[in-house]
Amino acid sequence: MSETVSAEARLRARNQLTIPDPIVRAAGIEPGEKFVVELEPDDQDTILLRRVRNSYAGSLPGLWDRIPRPTSRANARPGAKP
């Protein structure tokens, strides 16, 4: 199991929060990524930050290799070239 990465961040003027470098590196976060921020209703000291993925491409490696491809023109996608 991986070790938890923890770092302190400070809320700045205009409600800006910088994600600390150790978290950015460990999560592989890139500039421009979007997040959803949630407040736990039963514990106002717990705020969750969840990344919103623009694409799930590559998130299931090997899955598409197991799906059979159409073998005849009758089974091919409409408009696909032979």
Foldseek 3Di string as FASTA:
>chain_A
DDDDDDDDWDQDPPRDIDDDPVVCVVVVDDPPWDWDWDADPVDNVDIDIGTDDPDCPPVDPPPVVPDDDDDDPVPHDPPDDD
